[in-house]
């Protein structure tokens, strides 16, 4: 299966990505790295840096995807009030 994981560079998302990759799935991670880390993403997964509101990554992210998983964190109060 080709799976898109949003928020896959955070703790929960990266653990999920590792499990999906280990199960033989092709994984694409979409993360803006605001709370996640590039190094947390499995080298076997494809990382697209961006967010829902960022136009450029979306066409590449959705190409051939058969399933999605969201591991995104809600914005913090300090960033939400800006």
C-alpha atoms as a PDB file:
ATOM      1  CA  UNK A   1       0.000   0.000   0.000  1.00  0.00           C
ATOM      2  CA  UNK A   2       1.143   3.591  -0.600  1.00  0.00           C
ATOM      3  CA  UNK A   3       0.418   5.563   2.556  1.00  0.00           C
ATOM      4  CA  UNK A   4       0.586   9.309   3.244  1.00  0.00           C
ATOM      5  CA  UNK A   5       1.369  10.117   6.885  1.00  0.00           C
ATOM      6  CA  UNK A   6       0.843  13.729   7.906  1.00  0.00           C
ATOM      7  CA  UNK A   7       2.905  14.770  10.897  1.00  0.00           C
ATOM      8  CA  UNK A   8       5.241  11.829  10.348  1.00  0.00           C
ATOM      9  CA  UNK A   9       8.329  13.657  11.661  1.00  0.00           C
ATOM     10  CA  UNK A  10       7.011  13.893  15.216  1.00  0.00           C
ATOM     11  CA  UNK A  11       7.339  11.165  17.837  1.00  0.00           C
ATOM     12  CA  UNK A  12       4.045   9.330  17.284  1.00  0.00           C
ATOM     13  CA  UNK A  13       4.106   9.841  13.530  1.00  0.00           C
ATOM     14  CA  UNK A  14       7.684   8.627  13.137  1.00  0.00           C
ATOM     15  CA  UNK A  15       6.981   5.470  15.170  1.00  0.00           C
ATOM     16  CA  UNK A  16       3.963   4.814  12.945  1.00  0.00           C
ATOM     17  CA  UNK A  17       6.070   5.388   9.820  1.00  0.00           C
ATOM     18  CA  UNK A  18       8.700   2.882  11.061  1.00  0.00           C
ATOM     19  CA  UNK A  19       5.977   0.261  11.605  1.00  0.00           C
ATOM     20  CA  UNK A  20       4.412   0.901   8.198  1.00  0.00           C
ATOM     21  CA  UNK A  21       7.790   0.678   6.436  1.00  0.00           C
ATOM     22  CA  UNK A  22       8.620  -2.527   8.344  1.00  0.00           C
ATOM     23  CA  UNK A  23       5.303  -3.982   7.169  1.00  0.00           C
ATOM     24  CA  UNK A  24       6.365  -3.362   3.567  1.00  0.00           C
ATOM     25  CA  UNK A  25       4.340  -0.253   2.774  1.00  0.00           C
ATOM     26  CA  UNK A  26       5.598   2.635   0.656  1.00  0.00           C
ATOM     27  CA  UNK A  27       5.325   5.701   2.899  1.00  0.00           C
ATOM     28  CA  UNK A  28       5.302   9.415   2.131  1.00  0.00           C
ATOM     29  CA  UNK A  29       5.534  11.824   5.067  1.00  0.00           C
ATOM     30  CA  UNK A  30       4.089  15.344   4.890  1.00  0.00           C
ATOM     31  CA  UNK A  31       5.371  17.503   7.747  1.00  0.00           C
ATOM     32  CA  UNK A  32       6.190  21.200   8.090  1.00  0.00           C
ATOM     33  CA  UNK A  33       8.866  20.370  10.709  1.00  0.00           C
ATOM     34  CA  UNK A  34       7.473  22.990  13.100  1.00  0.00           C
ATOM     35  CA  UNK A  35       7.419  20.411  15.911  1.00  0.00           C
ATOM     36  CA  UNK A  36       8.922  17.392  14.156  1.00  0.00           C
ATOM     37  CA  UNK A  37      12.461  16.547  13.081  1.00  0.00           C
ATOM     38  CA  UNK A  38      13.805  15.572   9.669  1.00  0.00           C
ATOM     39  CA  UNK A  39      16.061  12.994  11.348  1.00  0.00           C
ATOM     40  CA  UNK A  40      13.053  11.231  12.894  1.00  0.00           C
ATOM     41  CA  UNK A  41      11.741  10.204   9.470  1.00  0.00           C
ATOM     42  CA  UNK A  42      12.751   6.737   8.319  1.00  0.00           C
ATOM     43  CA  UNK A  43      15.276   6.839   5.473  1.00  0.00           C
ATOM     44  CA  UNK A  44      12.965   4.375   3.704  1.00  0.00           C
ATOM     45  CA  UNK A  45      10.125   6.926   3.653  1.00  0.00           C
ATOM     46  CA  UNK A  46       9.851   9.942   1.357  1.00  0.00           C
ATOM     47  CA  UNK A  47       9.670  13.279   3.195  1.00  0.00           C
ATOM     48  CA  UNK A  48       7.781  16.217   1.715  1.00  0.00           C
ATOM     49  CA  UNK A  49       8.256  19.375   3.780  1.00  0.00           C
ATOM     50  CA  UNK A  50       5.079  21.425   3.864  1.00  0.00           C
ATOM     51  CA  UNK A  51       1.596  21.532   5.311  1.00  0.00           C
ATOM     52  CA  UNK A  52      -2.029  21.371   4.242  1.00  0.00           C
ATOM     53  CA  UNK A  53      -1.873  25.037   3.292  1.00  0.00           C
ATOM     54  CA  UNK A  54       1.292  24.682   1.217  1.00  0.00           C
ATOM     55  CA  UNK A  55       0.468  24.205  -2.442  1.00  0.00           C
ATOM     56  CA  UNK A  56       3.649  22.758  -3.974  1.00  0.00           C
ATOM     57  CA  UNK A  57       3.890  19.423  -2.117  1.00  0.00           C
ATOM     58  CA  UNK A  58       0.263  18.357  -2.462  1.00  0.00           C
ATOM     59  CA  UNK A  59       0.212  17.019  -6.030  1.00  0.00           C
ATOM     60  CA  UNK A  60       3.393  15.004  -5.342  1.00  0.00           C
ATOM     61  CA  UNK A  61       2.068  13.751  -2.003  1.00  0.00           C
ATOM     62  CA  UNK A  62      -1.239  12.447  -3.336  1.00  0.00           C
ATOM     63  CA  UNK A  63       0.145  10.691  -6.410  1.00  0.00           C
ATOM     64  CA  UNK A  64      -0.735   7.004  -6.077  1.00  0.00           C
ATOM     65  CA  UNK A  65      -1.697   7.195  -2.389  1.00  0.00           C
ATOM     66  CA  UNK A  66      -4.108   4.453  -1.309  1.00  0.00           C
ATOM     67  CA  UNK A  67      -4.410   5.334   2.400  1.00  0.00           C
ATOM     68  CA  UNK A  68      -3.704   8.191   4.811  1.00  0.00           C
ATOM     69  CA  UNK A  69      -2.852   8.560   8.487  1.00  0.00           C
ATOM     70  CA  UNK A  70      -2.854  11.836  10.382  1.00  0.00           C
ATOM     71  CA  UNK A  71      -0.398  12.252  13.244  1.00  0.00           C
ATOM     72  CA  UNK A  72      -0.456  16.033  13.273  1.00  0.00           C
ATOM     73  CA  UNK A  73      -0.338  17.996  16.493  1.00  0.00           C
ATOM     74  CA  UNK A  74      -2.715  20.885  17.170  1.00  0.00           C
ATOM     75  CA  UNK A  75      -1.050  24.285  17.078  1.00  0.00           C
ATOM     76  CA  UNK A  76       0.185  25.528  20.427  1.00  0.00           C
ATOM     77  CA  UNK A  77      -1.677  28.394  22.050  1.00  0.00           C
ATOM     78  CA  UNK A  78       1.238  30.747  21.448  1.00  0.00           C
ATOM     79  CA  UNK A  79       1.361  30.045  17.696  1.00  0.00           C
ATOM     80  CA  UNK A  80      -2.443  29.977  17.355  1.00  0.00           C
ATOM     81  CA  UNK A  81      -2.768  33.465  18.843  1.00  0.00           C
ATOM     82  CA  UNK A  82      -0.367  35.109  16.384  1.00  0.00           C
END
